[in-house]
Amino acid sequence: MTDRHNDQGRNAAWRQTLRDAMPAKERTAIPRTVMPQLDPAYRITTNEEVNQGLTAEQAVTEATRCLDCPTPTCIEGCPVNIAIPDFIKNIQRGEVLRAAAILKQTSALPAVCGRVCPQERQCESRCIYNKMKKEPVAIGYLERFAADRERAAGPAPVPADIVRNGIRVAVAGSGPAGLSFAGDMAKRGFDVDVFEALHEIGGVLKYGIPEFRLPNSVVDAELDNLRALGVKFHTNTVIGKTLSYDDLLNMGFKGIFVASGAGLPRFMGIPGENLSGVMSSNEYLTRINLMGAGRPGSATPVLKGRRVAVIGGGNTAMDSVRTARRMGAERAMIIYRRGLEEMPARVEEVHHAREEGVEFLTLCNPVRYEGDESGRVCRMYVQRMELGEPDASGRRSPVPIEGAVDEIEVDQVIVSVGVSPNPLIPDNIAGLNVTPRGTVAVDGNHCSSIPTIYAGGDIVRGGATVILAMGDGRQAAASMAEKLLENA
């Protein structure tokens, strides 16, 4: 009998013990744990992480709420299919390192996912508590707890059963899709090299997400785990420029996974967008998060507005407006053309932004910007909107209210209305098919029109969550590994 089968038998026995120890009726009466967090007045003065994590007592209490359903629909809501009841029940009985090991069987970045994934729309949305009109088990909080405790305990052991097969694979991009793919391929015995265009590894995890949501130290620890598996990282290497597709083949790589993301910002095409002080969220967050703009001793410049408007309603918009508050903005505004209920950002991020003094000007759409004598933006005009009929996505479409245009004084505008796929690799690899949206065209196995090239994440989806990108990486790894081993 394998260790896995032994584990399954042992897990079933102690899970039954835990069920018998506290009846379901008592467990469902336990309220959901509230995440400790920094005080809003303090946190806008610092880049410290807002959510402080659960204590061991809080984690055990929250884990006890899990009913260990016979058909765990929470797993169906997880793009990487984490064995959620198993890891939670290990926390309940105090086996936190075992819980972390279960997480890492399917997730390369559990400490990251526990912080930034929209669990409320994925695993937690499938929790049986929702049918009881109760708050779901805090799966994300528990994932973070287990991963953080493992990190505090020191380097995790490398799986002893990895057998190297000598086959080399390359990854273009070190964001969540690329890292997930790299981890799974390394566990399967492949030699994995990850090539990153920027000077730091992590992709959007480093340049796009502020440290008050995802500390760099957490990302770096996850990267160290991948290095321990044998993954090699190369910075300042632009696939399609620094190294061509033919170069990679000549270097002996048998498969290539494209995870170059969607880093091309979109603008609205309205008058005044070329004024000084109008920039994309990509530029703003990259300057601050990755290049240290605004920190003592940093040579990277960044404008510090007093009256800052962020255009958009997604998580990147929330990251931008909350960053602006920390950069000294006296008035920081979200300008969003739909209502608060239609806003795609996580509820938690909206709540944190409001606590931090961010204003929400909903049902408003910018129509033009004007500048002062120096050419810097000084005011914007917004069209008041109302919600009409639902569009193709099911959300009600915003419709202009005739004659309702407001003037707002601003000295910085950050545009966060979406991104487009990075065109560099598609433009430089002949025969690589793309869709009309510019994304790499792949089949159900994430294989492109070129048999040696697979792709996933935002370069395929055009913009998605960290966990969906990681799911793509896992699926691509399984498909590529099967093909390469068949042909070995």
Protein backbone atom coordinates (compact mmCIF):
# COMPACT_ATOMS: atom_id res chain seq x y z
CA MET A 1 0.00 0.00 0.00
CA THR A 2 1.35 3.45 -0.94
CA ASP A 3 1.93 6.28 1.52
CA ARG A 4 -0.91 8.14 -0.16
CA HIS A 5 -3.30 5.26 0.57
CA ASN A 6 -2.03 5.10 4.14
CA ASP A 7 -2.70 8.82 4.44
CA GLN A 8 -6.21 8.43 3.11
CA GLY A 9 -7.04 5.74 5.65
CA ARG A 10 -5.48 7.65 8.51
CA ASN A 11 -7.21 10.89 7.46
CA ALA A 12 -10.59 9.17 7.30
CA ALA A 13 -10.14 7.81 10.82
CA TRP A 14 -9.22 11.08 12.51
CA ARG A 15 -11.75 13.06 10.49
CA GLN A 16 -14.44 10.74 11.85
CA THR A 17 -13.04 11.33 15.35
CA LEU A 18 -13.30 15.08 14.86
CA ARG A 19 -16.86 14.77 13.58
CA ASP A 20 -17.84 12.74 16.63
CA ALA A 21 -16.14 15.19 19.00
CA MET A 22 -18.44 18.08 18.07
CA PRO A 23 -21.83 17.61 16.41
CA ALA A 24 -22.54 19.54 13.22
CA LYS A 25 -25.19 21.66 14.94
CA GLU A 26 -22.59 23.01 17.37
CA ARG A 27 -20.05 23.65 14.61
CA THR A 28 -22.51 25.61 12.51
CA ALA A 29 -23.20 27.86 15.49
CA ILE A 30 -19.57 29.04 15.58
CA PRO A 31 -19.30 32.49 13.93
CA ARG A 32 -16.77 33.01 11.15
CA THR A 33 -13.44 34.29 12.43
CA VAL A 34 -12.69 37.96 11.80
CA MET A 35 -9.23 38.60 10.37
CA PRO A 36 -7.14 40.90 12.61
CA GLN A 37 -5.96 43.97 10.71
CA LEU A 38 -4.05 47.20 11.17
CA ASP A 39 -5.93 50.33 12.18
CA PRO A 40 -6.88 52.38 9.08
CA ALA A 41 -5.44 55.64 10.42
CA TYR A 42 -2.07 53.96 10.94
CA ARG A 43 -1.93 51.79 7.86
CA ILE A 44 -2.19 54.65 5.35
CA THR A 45 1.12 55.88 6.76
CA THR A 46 2.93 52.63 6.08
CA ASN A 47 3.32 49.81 3.58
CA GLU A 48 2.89 47.15 6.25
CA GLU A 49 0.50 44.32 5.47
CA VAL A 50 -3.06 45.23 6.43
CA ASN A 51 -4.34 41.74 7.24
CA GLN A 52 -2.34 40.37 10.16
CA GLY A 53 -3.17 36.66 9.92
CA LEU A 54 -4.95 34.32 12.31
CA THR A 55 -3.61 33.18 15.65
CA ALA A 56 -3.32 29.43 16.22
CA GLU A 57 -6.43 29.53 18.40
CA GLN A 58 -8.41 31.43 15.77
CA ALA A 59 -7.28 29.01 13.06
CA VAL A 60 -8.34 25.93 15.02
CA THR A 61 -11.71 27.52 15.79
CA GLU A 62 -12.29 28.38 12.15
CA ALA A 63 -11.15 24.93 10.99
CA THR A 64 -13.64 23.39 13.42
CA ARG A 65 -16.47 25.06 11.49
CA CYS A 66 -15.72 22.88 8.43
CA LEU A 67 -18.40 20.18 8.19
CA ASP A 68 -16.20 17.87 6.07
CA CYS A 69 -18.98 17.34 3.54
CA PRO A 70 -19.19 13.91 1.85
CA THR A 71 -19.12 15.76 -1.49
CA PRO A 72 -16.80 18.74 -0.92
CA THR A 73 -18.05 21.23 -3.49
CA CYS A 74 -15.44 23.72 -2.28
CA ILE A 75 -12.84 21.68 -4.18
CA GLU A 76 -14.87 22.10 -7.37
CA GLY A 77 -14.59 25.87 -6.93
CA CYS A 78 -10.78 25.76 -6.67
CA PRO A 79 -8.98 26.14 -10.03
CA VAL A 80 -6.04 24.06 -8.76
CA ASN A 81 -8.21 21.48 -6.96
CA ILE A 82 -6.72 21.74 -3.48
CA ALA A 83 -7.90 18.98 -1.10
CA ILE A 84 -9.58 21.63 1.04
CA PRO A 85 -11.25 19.52 3.78
CA ASP A 86 -8.06 17.53 4.31
CA PHE A 87 -5.85 20.56 4.84
CA ILE A 88 -8.44 22.26 7.05
CA LYS A 89 -8.96 19.24 9.28
CA ASN A 90 -5.21 18.91 9.72
CA ILE A 91 -5.23 22.45 11.08
CA GLN A 92 -8.08 21.53 13.41
CA ARG A 93 -6.08 18.69 14.97
CA GLY A 94 -2.88 20.75 15.16
CA GLU A 95 -1.01 19.17 12.24
CA VAL A 96 -0.26 22.50 10.56
CA LEU A 97 2.83 21.39 8.64
CA ARG A 98 0.86 18.45 7.27
CA ALA A 99 -1.84 20.91 6.20
CA ALA A 100 0.80 22.96 4.37
CA ALA A 101 2.13 19.82 2.67
CA ILE A 102 -1.36 19.03 1.38
CA LEU A 103 -1.69 22.56 0.00
CA LYS A 104 1.62 22.24 -1.83
CA GLN A 105 0.59 19.02 -3.54
CA THR A 106 -1.48 21.13 -5.94
CA SER A 107 -0.52 24.78 -5.30
CA ALA A 108 2.92 26.24 -5.93
CA LEU A 109 2.03 29.48 -4.10
CA PRO A 110 -0.26 28.81 -1.11
CA ALA A 111 0.91 31.82 0.93
CA VAL A 112 0.20 34.05 -2.07
CA CYS A 113 -3.18 32.54 -2.87
CA GLY A 114 -4.26 32.74 0.76
CA ARG A 115 -3.82 36.49 0.50
CA VAL A 116 -4.90 37.60 -2.96
CA CYS A 117 -7.22 35.00 -4.45
CA PRO A 118 -10.95 35.84 -4.61
CA GLN A 119 -12.04 32.89 -2.48
CA GLU A 120 -15.47 34.48 -2.07
CA ARG A 121 -16.08 33.84 -5.79
CA GLN A 122 -14.37 30.46 -5.94
CA CYS A 123 -13.95 27.85 -3.20
CA GLU A 124 -15.84 29.75 -0.49
CA SER A 125 -18.74 30.41 -2.88
CA ARG A 126 -19.30 26.63 -3.02
CA CYS A 127 -19.20 26.10 0.75
CA ILE A 128 -22.33 24.40 2.10
CA TYR A 129 -22.73 27.19 4.65
CA ASN A 130 -24.00 29.42 1.86
CA LYS A 131 -27.05 27.19 1.53
CA MET A 132 -27.66 27.67 5.26
CA LYS A 133 -27.53 31.45 4.80
CA LYS A 134 -24.39 31.52 6.95
CA GLU A 135 -20.91 32.82 6.24
CA PRO A 136 -18.69 30.21 4.55
CA VAL A 137 -15.60 28.69 6.13
CA ALA A 138 -12.69 31.15 5.77
CA ILE A 139 -10.70 28.88 3.46
CA GLY A 140 -8.35 31.65 2.33
CA TYR A 141 -7.50 32.67 5.90
CA LEU A 142 -6.70 29.06 6.75
CA GLU A 143 -4.59 28.57 3.62
CA ARG A 144 -2.55 31.63 4.55
CA PHE A 145 -2.21 30.43 8.16
CA ALA A 146 -0.83 27.01 7.16
CA ALA A 147 1.57 28.43 4.58
CA ASP A 148 2.84 31.14 6.94
CA ARG A 149 3.42 28.66 9.76
CA GLU A 150 5.39 26.42 7.44
CA ARG A 151 7.53 29.35 6.30
CA ALA A 152 8.22 30.31 9.91
CA ALA A 153 9.31 26.74 10.65
CA GLY A 154 12.15 26.95 8.11
CA PRO A 155 12.81 25.54 4.63
CA ALA A 156 10.31 22.88 3.61
CA PRO A 157 11.72 19.46 2.73
CA VAL A 158 12.11 18.67 -0.96
CA PRO A 159 10.02 15.68 -2.09
CA ALA A 160 12.26 12.62 -1.97
CA ASP A 161 10.59 10.81 -4.86
CA ILE A 162 11.58 13.22 -7.66
CA VAL A 163 13.41 11.36 -10.43
CA ARG A 164 15.18 13.61 -12.93
CA ASN A 165 14.48 12.74 -16.55
CA GLY A 166 17.01 15.12 -18.17
CA ILE A 167 14.40 16.87 -20.33
CA ARG A 168 14.72 20.67 -20.39
CA VAL A 169 11.73 23.02 -20.55
CA ALA A 170 11.67 26.82 -20.64
CA VAL A 171 9.17 29.26 -19.18
CA ALA A 172 8.69 32.79 -20.51
CA GLY A 173 7.48 34.92 -17.60
CA SER A 174 7.64 34.47 -13.83
CA GLY A 175 4.11 35.42 -12.86
CA PRO A 176 1.64 32.99 -11.24
CA ALA A 177 1.05 30.91 -14.40
CA GLY A 178 4.76 30.50 -15.08
CA LEU A 179 5.61 29.70 -11.46
CA SER A 180 2.81 27.15 -11.15
CA PHE A 181 3.94 25.45 -14.35
CA ALA A 182 7.58 25.48 -13.24
CA GLY A 183 6.80 23.91 -9.88
CA ASP A 184 4.71 21.10 -11.34
CA MET A 185 7.27 20.30 -14.05
CA ALA A 186 10.13 20.27 -11.53
CA LYS A 187 8.19 17.83 -9.34
CA ARG A 188 7.80 15.62 -12.41
CA GLY A 189 11.57 15.52 -12.86
CA PHE A 190 12.03 18.06 -15.66
CA ASP A 191 14.86 20.61 -15.72
CA VAL A 192 13.07 23.97 -15.67
CA ASP A 193 14.46 27.40 -16.59
CA VAL A 194 12.28 30.47 -16.05
CA PHE A 195 13.12 33.63 -18.03
CA GLU A 196 11.88 36.97 -16.69
CA ALA A 197 12.07 40.24 -18.66
CA LEU A 198 12.32 42.43 -15.56
CA HIS A 199 15.09 42.60 -12.97
CA GLU A 200 13.14 40.75 -10.29
CA ILE A 201 11.33 37.42 -10.32
CA GLY A 202 7.60 37.32 -9.58
CA GLY A 203 5.86 39.09 -12.44
CA VAL A 204 2.60 40.74 -11.42
CA LEU A 205 3.07 39.43 -7.88
CA LYS A 206 5.97 41.86 -7.52
CA TYR A 207 5.16 44.79 -9.80
CA GLY A 208 1.36 44.78 -9.64
CA ILE A 209 0.34 43.95 -6.07
CA PRO A 210 1.37 46.34 -3.27
CA GLU A 211 3.15 45.04 -0.20
CA PHE A 212 0.27 46.08 2.04
CA ARG A 213 -1.62 43.25 0.37
CA LEU A 214 1.21 40.86 -0.53
CA PRO A 215 4.63 41.40 1.08
CA ASN A 216 7.63 40.74 -1.15
CA SER A 217 9.09 38.53 1.59
CA VAL A 218 6.16 36.14 1.12
CA VAL A 219 6.72 35.95 -2.64
CA ASP A 220 10.48 35.50 -2.15
CA ALA A 221 9.91 32.57 0.22
CA GLU A 222 7.67 30.86 -2.35
CA LEU A 223 10.38 31.40 -4.97
CA ASP A 224 12.96 29.82 -2.67
CA ASN A 225 10.73 26.74 -2.44
CA LEU A 226 10.79 26.48 -6.24
CA ARG A 227 14.57 26.91 -6.30
CA ALA A 228 14.82 24.04 -3.81
CA LEU A 229 12.94 21.91 -6.36
CA GLY A 230 15.64 22.75 -8.92
CA VAL A 231 13.93 25.56 -10.84
CA LYS A 232 16.45 28.02 -12.31
CA PHE A 233 15.54 31.70 -12.71
CA HIS A 234 17.01 34.20 -15.19
CA THR A 235 16.23 37.92 -15.02
CA ASN A 236 16.58 40.68 -17.64
CA THR A 237 15.83 38.21 -20.42
CA VAL A 238 13.13 39.09 -22.93
CA ILE A 239 11.95 36.05 -24.86
CA GLY A 240 11.45 37.21 -28.44
CA LYS A 241 14.26 39.77 -28.15
CA THR A 242 17.11 38.73 -25.84
CA LEU A 243 16.50 35.11 -26.76
CA SER A 244 14.54 33.97 -29.80
CA TYR A 245 12.44 30.84 -30.12
CA ASP A 246 15.22 29.28 -32.22
CA ASP A 247 17.75 30.18 -29.53
CA LEU A 248 15.74 28.25 -26.97
CA LEU A 249 15.53 25.22 -29.23
CA ASN A 250 19.28 25.37 -29.86
CA MET A 251 19.87 25.51 -26.10
CA GLY A 252 18.18 22.13 -25.82
CA PHE A 253 14.73 23.06 -24.56
CA LYS A 254 12.13 20.54 -25.70
CA GLY A 255 9.10 22.49 -24.57
CA ILE A 256 8.29 26.16 -23.93
CA PHE A 257 5.51 27.56 -21.76
CA VAL A 258 4.52 31.13 -22.59
CA ALA A 259 3.29 33.01 -19.52
CA SER A 260 4.20 36.54 -20.52
CA GLY A 261 1.00 38.06 -19.18
CA ALA A 262 -1.10 41.02 -20.21
CA GLY A 263 1.05 44.00 -19.40
CA LEU A 264 -0.09 46.35 -22.14
CA PRO A 265 -2.28 49.04 -20.51
CA ARG A 266 -5.45 50.33 -22.11
CA PHE A 267 -6.59 53.94 -22.17
CA MET A 268 -9.99 55.42 -22.95
CA GLY A 269 -9.03 57.58 -25.93
CA ILE A 270 -10.49 60.77 -24.50
CA PRO A 271 -9.08 64.32 -24.76
CA GLY A 272 -6.26 65.15 -22.36
CA GLU A 273 -4.90 61.65 -21.77
CA ASN A 274 -1.45 62.82 -22.89
CA LEU A 275 -1.23 65.45 -20.15
CA SER A 276 1.45 65.15 -17.50
CA GLY A 277 -0.02 63.45 -14.44
CA VAL A 278 -2.18 61.01 -16.41
CA MET A 279 -0.74 57.50 -16.34
CA SER A 280 -1.73 53.83 -16.33
CA SER A 281 -2.01 51.73 -13.20
CA ASN A 282 0.71 49.50 -14.66
CA GLU A 283 3.19 52.35 -14.74
CA TYR A 284 2.17 53.77 -11.37
CA LEU A 285 2.29 50.48 -9.48
CA THR A 286 5.46 49.27 -11.20
CA ARG A 287 7.33 52.46 -10.30
CA ILE A 288 6.31 52.16 -6.66
CA ASN A 289 6.13 48.41 -6.03
CA LEU A 290 9.04 47.16 -8.12
CA MET A 291 11.30 50.19 -8.43
CA GLY A 292 10.81 51.73 -5.00
CA ALA A 293 9.60 55.15 -6.12
CA GLY A 294 8.81 57.34 -3.15
CA ARG A 295 11.04 55.42 -0.76
CA PRO A 296 14.06 57.10 0.83
CA GLY A 297 17.10 56.79 -1.41
CA SER A 298 15.19 55.66 -4.50
CA ALA A 299 16.19 57.26 -7.80
CA THR A 300 12.92 56.33 -9.52
CA PRO A 301 10.62 59.35 -9.89
CA VAL A 302 6.87 59.27 -9.41
CA LEU A 303 4.28 62.03 -9.20
CA LYS A 304 2.64 62.45 -5.81
CA GLY A 305 -0.78 63.94 -6.30
CA ARG A 306 -2.85 65.64 -3.62
CA ARG A 307 -6.12 65.11 -5.50
CA VAL A 308 -5.91 61.70 -7.22
CA ALA A 309 -8.57 60.07 -9.38
CA VAL A 310 -8.32 56.39 -10.26
CA ILE A 311 -10.46 55.33 -13.21
CA GLY A 312 -11.84 51.79 -12.87
CA GLY A 313 -13.39 49.41 -10.38
CA GLY A 314 -11.20 46.30 -10.34
CA ASN A 315 -8.60 45.09 -7.86
CA THR A 316 -5.84 46.97 -9.69
CA ALA A 317 -7.82 50.18 -9.31
CA MET A 318 -8.16 49.49 -5.56
CA ASP A 319 -4.43 48.81 -5.30
CA SER A 320 -3.71 52.08 -7.09
CA VAL A 321 -6.03 54.29 -5.06
CA ARG A 322 -4.90 52.79 -1.75
CA THR A 323 -1.29 53.28 -2.83
CA ALA A 324 -2.07 56.92 -3.62
CA ARG A 325 -3.32 57.39 -0.06
CA ARG A 326 -0.05 55.99 1.23
CA MET A 327 1.83 58.34 -1.10
CA GLY A 328 0.17 61.31 0.59
CA ALA A 329 -2.99 61.99 -1.43
CA GLU A 330 -5.38 64.16 0.57
CA ARG A 331 -8.29 63.26 -1.66
CA ALA A 332 -8.25 59.87 -3.39
CA MET A 333 -11.21 58.91 -5.59
CA ILE A 334 -12.44 55.88 -7.48
CA ILE A 335 -14.28 56.94 -10.64
CA TYR A 336 -16.40 54.04 -11.88
CA ARG A 337 -19.04 54.07 -14.58
CA ARG A 338 -21.28 51.46 -12.95
CA GLY A 339 -22.64 51.14 -9.42
CA LEU A 340 -20.94 49.78 -6.33
CA GLU A 341 -22.74 46.44 -6.64
CA GLU A 342 -21.37 45.93 -10.16
CA MET A 343 -17.80 46.69 -9.14
CA PRO A 344 -15.56 43.69 -9.96
CA ALA A 345 -13.03 44.32 -7.17
CA ARG A 346 -13.02 42.03 -4.15
CA VAL A 347 -15.45 43.09 -1.44
CA GLU A 348 -12.60 43.07 1.07
CA GLU A 349 -10.53 45.47 -1.04
CA VAL A 350 -13.44 47.88 -1.44
CA HIS A 351 -14.07 47.72 2.31
CA HIS A 352 -10.40 48.41 3.11
CA ALA A 353 -10.31 51.31 0.63
CA ARG A 354 -13.38 52.93 2.22
CA GLU A 355 -11.87 52.50 5.68
CA GLU A 356 -8.78 54.31 4.40
CA GLY A 357 -10.74 57.36 3.31
CA VAL A 358 -11.13 56.62 -0.40
CA GLU A 359 -14.14 58.28 -2.05
CA PHE A 360 -16.26 56.25 -4.48
CA LEU A 361 -17.76 58.28 -7.30
CA THR A 362 -19.86 55.61 -8.96
CA LEU A 363 -22.02 56.01 -12.07
CA CYS A 364 -19.45 58.49 -13.39
CA ASN A 365 -17.42 58.21 -16.59
CA PRO A 366 -14.53 60.54 -17.55
CA VAL A 367 -15.04 62.41 -20.83
CA ARG A 368 -11.99 64.72 -20.87
CA TYR A 369 -9.08 66.10 -18.88
CA GLU A 370 -7.70 69.62 -18.91
CA GLY A 371 -4.26 70.89 -17.92
CA ASP A 372 -2.68 73.98 -16.40
CA GLU A 373 -0.05 76.27 -17.95
CA SER A 374 2.70 73.73 -17.30
CA GLY A 375 0.81 70.95 -19.09
CA ARG A 376 -0.11 69.01 -15.96
CA VAL A 377 -3.65 67.76 -15.50
CA CYS A 378 -5.65 70.03 -13.21
CA ARG A 379 -9.27 69.05 -13.74
CA MET A 380 -11.45 66.35 -15.22
CA TYR A 381 -15.00 66.23 -16.49
CA VAL A 382 -17.17 63.22 -15.74
CA GLN A 383 -20.42 62.21 -17.36
CA ARG A 384 -23.08 61.11 -14.90
CA MET A 385 -24.52 57.70 -15.79
CA GLU A 386 -27.49 55.51 -14.98
CA LEU A 387 -27.81 51.76 -15.37
CA GLY A 388 -29.76 50.46 -18.33
CA GLU A 389 -30.25 46.94 -19.67
CA PRO A 390 -27.73 44.13 -18.98
CA ASP A 391 -24.85 43.77 -21.45
CA ALA A 392 -23.37 40.53 -22.82
CA SER A 393 -21.63 39.85 -19.48
CA GLY A 394 -24.91 40.12 -17.58
CA ARG A 395 -24.04 43.44 -15.93
CA ARG A 396 -26.35 46.38 -16.49
CA SER A 397 -24.91 48.75 -19.05
CA PRO A 398 -24.20 52.35 -18.01
CA VAL A 399 -26.13 54.96 -20.00
CA PRO A 400 -25.26 58.70 -20.01
CA ILE A 401 -27.67 61.11 -18.36
CA GLU A 402 -28.09 63.92 -20.86
CA GLY A 403 -26.52 67.20 -19.73
CA ALA A 404 -25.20 65.80 -16.44
CA VAL A 405 -21.46 66.57 -16.57
CA ASP A 406 -19.47 67.42 -13.43
CA GLU A 407 -16.09 69.13 -13.07
CA ILE A 408 -13.60 67.71 -10.55
CA GLU A 409 -10.24 69.20 -9.59
CA VAL A 410 -7.40 66.68 -9.84
CA ASP A 411 -3.64 66.79 -10.16
CA GLN A 412 -3.12 63.10 -10.90
CA VAL A 413 -5.18 60.57 -12.84
CA ILE A 414 -4.43 56.84 -12.81
CA VAL A 415 -6.19 54.86 -15.53
CA SER A 416 -7.12 51.28 -14.62
CA VAL A 417 -9.62 50.20 -17.26
CA GLY A 418 -7.97 46.94 -18.28
CA VAL A 419 -4.94 45.50 -20.00
CA SER A 420 -4.16 43.77 -23.27
CA PRO A 421 -1.89 40.76 -23.86
CA ASN A 422 1.82 41.40 -24.21
CA PRO A 423 2.37 41.20 -28.01
CA LEU A 424 6.14 40.66 -27.91
CA ILE A 425 6.24 36.88 -28.12
CA PRO A 426 3.36 36.46 -30.61
CA ASP A 427 4.93 39.11 -32.84
CA ASN A 428 8.32 37.40 -32.83
CA ILE A 429 7.46 33.72 -33.30
CA ALA A 430 6.37 32.87 -36.83
CA GLY A 431 3.42 30.51 -37.00
CA LEU A 432 2.16 31.18 -33.48
CA ASN A 433 -1.55 31.74 -33.90
CA VAL A 434 -3.34 34.46 -31.95
CA THR A 435 -7.00 35.28 -31.45
CA PRO A 436 -8.64 38.54 -32.60
CA ARG A 437 -8.02 39.84 -29.06
CA GLY A 438 -4.29 39.27 -29.44
CA THR A 439 -4.16 36.36 -27.02
CA VAL A 440 -2.25 33.17 -27.86
CA ALA A 441 -4.64 30.60 -29.29
CA VAL A 442 -4.48 27.25 -27.46
CA ASP A 443 -6.42 24.01 -27.42
CA GLY A 444 -7.97 22.33 -24.39
CA ASN A 445 -4.52 21.15 -23.29
CA HIS A 446 -3.02 24.67 -23.51
CA CYS A 447 -1.01 23.67 -26.59
CA SER A 448 -0.56 26.38 -29.23
CA SER A 449 -0.37 26.08 -33.01
CA ILE A 450 3.32 25.18 -32.54
CA PRO A 451 3.50 21.73 -30.87
CA THR A 452 6.45 22.63 -28.63
CA ILE A 453 4.82 25.80 -27.31
CA TYR A 454 2.15 25.86 -24.61
CA ALA A 455 0.65 28.97 -23.05
CA GLY A 456 -1.49 30.03 -20.10
CA GLY A 457 -2.46 32.85 -17.80
CA ASP A 458 -3.21 36.35 -19.03
CA ILE A 459 -1.46 35.85 -22.40
CA VAL A 460 -4.30 33.37 -23.09
CA ARG A 461 -7.11 34.77 -20.95
CA GLY A 462 -6.40 38.46 -21.53
CA GLY A 463 -6.69 39.21 -17.81
CA ALA A 464 -7.68 36.97 -14.92
CA THR A 465 -7.00 36.13 -11.29
CA VAL A 466 -3.82 34.71 -9.81
CA ILE A 467 -5.45 31.36 -9.09
CA LEU A 468 -6.92 30.97 -12.59
CA ALA A 469 -3.47 31.64 -14.04
CA MET A 470 -2.03 29.03 -11.69
CA GLY A 471 -4.68 26.56 -12.81
CA ASP A 472 -3.58 27.13 -16.41
CA GLY A 473 0.02 26.45 -15.41
CA ARG A 474 -0.90 23.17 -13.73
CA GLN A 475 -2.98 21.97 -16.67
CA ALA A 476 -0.30 22.91 -19.18
CA ALA A 477 2.34 21.12 -17.13
CA ALA A 478 0.32 17.91 -17.05
CA SER A 479 -0.29 18.04 -20.81
CA MET A 480 3.27 18.94 -21.81
CA ALA A 481 4.80 16.37 -19.46
CA GLU A 482 2.67 13.61 -20.93
CA LYS A 483 3.61 14.53 -24.49
CA LEU A 484 7.33 14.95 -23.81
CA LEU A 485 7.60 11.67 -21.92
CA GLU A 486 5.77 9.87 -24.71
CA ASN A 487 8.30 11.17 -27.21
CA ALA A 488 11.38 10.70 -25.03
